[in-house]
């Protein structure tokens, strides 16, 4: 019984720790050239991982990026 309670509590805590990002979607056509602006953003990749870019333009120029949020990636 104690093991079941511990597993349930750990499951609840781990679900609270994971946040989904409300991203701004990259649109087609993708940028070919970006200015050297520094406005960090956290991009969501097609494989579900996150990667930080120097700007939204450079993030969306990468074809593996699906969207981004302004600011640094968590963690």
Protein backbone atom coordinates (compact mmCIF):
# COMPACT_ATOMS: atom_id res chain seq x y z
CA UNK A 1 0.00 0.00 0.00
CA UNK A 2 2.80 2.40 0.90
CA UNK A 3 4.50 1.78 -2.47
CA UNK A 4 1.29 2.61 -4.35
CA UNK A 5 0.91 5.91 -2.49
CA UNK A 6 4.55 6.84 -3.15
CA UNK A 7 4.21 6.06 -6.86
CA UNK A 8 1.00 8.12 -7.08
CA UNK A 9 2.60 11.12 -5.32
CA UNK A 10 5.69 10.96 -7.56
CA UNK A 11 3.46 10.79 -10.63
CA UNK A 12 1.53 13.87 -9.55
CA UNK A 13 4.68 15.82 -8.76
CA UNK A 14 6.33 14.98 -12.06
CA UNK A 15 3.26 16.08 -14.03
CA UNK A 16 3.36 19.43 -12.24
CA UNK A 17 7.00 19.98 -13.17
CA UNK A 18 6.44 19.64 -16.93
CA UNK A 19 5.09 22.78 -18.60
CA UNK A 20 4.10 22.96 -22.22
CA UNK A 21 5.21 26.04 -24.08
CA UNK A 22 2.60 28.18 -25.82
CA UNK A 23 4.75 28.85 -28.86
CA UNK A 24 4.50 31.34 -31.69
CA UNK A 25 4.44 29.21 -34.83
CA UNK A 26 7.03 29.69 -37.58
CA UNK A 27 5.40 30.48 -40.92
CA UNK A 28 6.34 29.63 -44.47
CA UNK A 29 8.32 30.76 -46.32
CA UNK A 30 11.13 30.50 -43.77
CA UNK A 31 13.59 33.42 -43.45
CA UNK A 32 16.65 33.15 -45.68
CA UNK A 33 18.57 36.07 -44.09
CA UNK A 34 18.31 37.48 -40.56
CA UNK A 35 19.66 40.67 -39.01
CA UNK A 36 22.23 40.32 -36.22
CA UNK A 37 19.62 41.23 -33.62
CA UNK A 38 20.05 39.68 -30.15
CA UNK A 39 16.62 38.84 -28.76
CA UNK A 40 16.98 35.35 -27.22
CA UNK A 41 14.17 32.90 -27.76
CA UNK A 42 13.46 29.31 -26.84
CA UNK A 43 12.44 27.23 -29.82
CA UNK A 44 10.48 23.98 -29.91
CA UNK A 45 11.92 21.44 -32.34
CA UNK A 46 9.99 18.80 -34.30
CA UNK A 47 11.43 16.05 -32.07
CA UNK A 48 9.94 17.71 -28.96
CA UNK A 49 13.19 19.12 -27.59
CA UNK A 50 13.99 22.77 -26.88
CA UNK A 51 16.89 24.83 -28.26
CA UNK A 52 17.88 28.42 -27.59
CA UNK A 53 18.46 30.79 -30.51
CA UNK A 54 19.73 34.37 -30.67
CA UNK A 55 16.49 35.64 -32.23
CA UNK A 56 13.11 34.44 -33.50
CA UNK A 57 14.33 34.97 -37.08
CA UNK A 58 17.30 32.63 -36.65
CA UNK A 59 15.07 30.11 -34.91
CA UNK A 60 12.50 30.03 -37.71
CA UNK A 61 15.24 29.85 -40.35
CA UNK A 62 15.98 26.36 -38.98
CA UNK A 63 13.60 23.89 -40.67
CA UNK A 64 13.48 21.67 -37.55
CA UNK A 65 11.88 24.48 -35.49
CA UNK A 66 8.09 24.47 -35.16
CA UNK A 67 7.69 27.56 -32.97
CA UNK A 68 9.29 29.71 -30.28
CA UNK A 69 8.74 31.81 -27.15
CA UNK A 70 10.64 34.93 -26.22
CA UNK A 71 13.37 34.56 -23.62
CA UNK A 72 15.77 31.87 -22.55
CA UNK A 73 14.87 28.19 -22.37
CA UNK A 74 13.97 26.85 -18.92
CA UNK A 75 16.61 25.01 -16.97
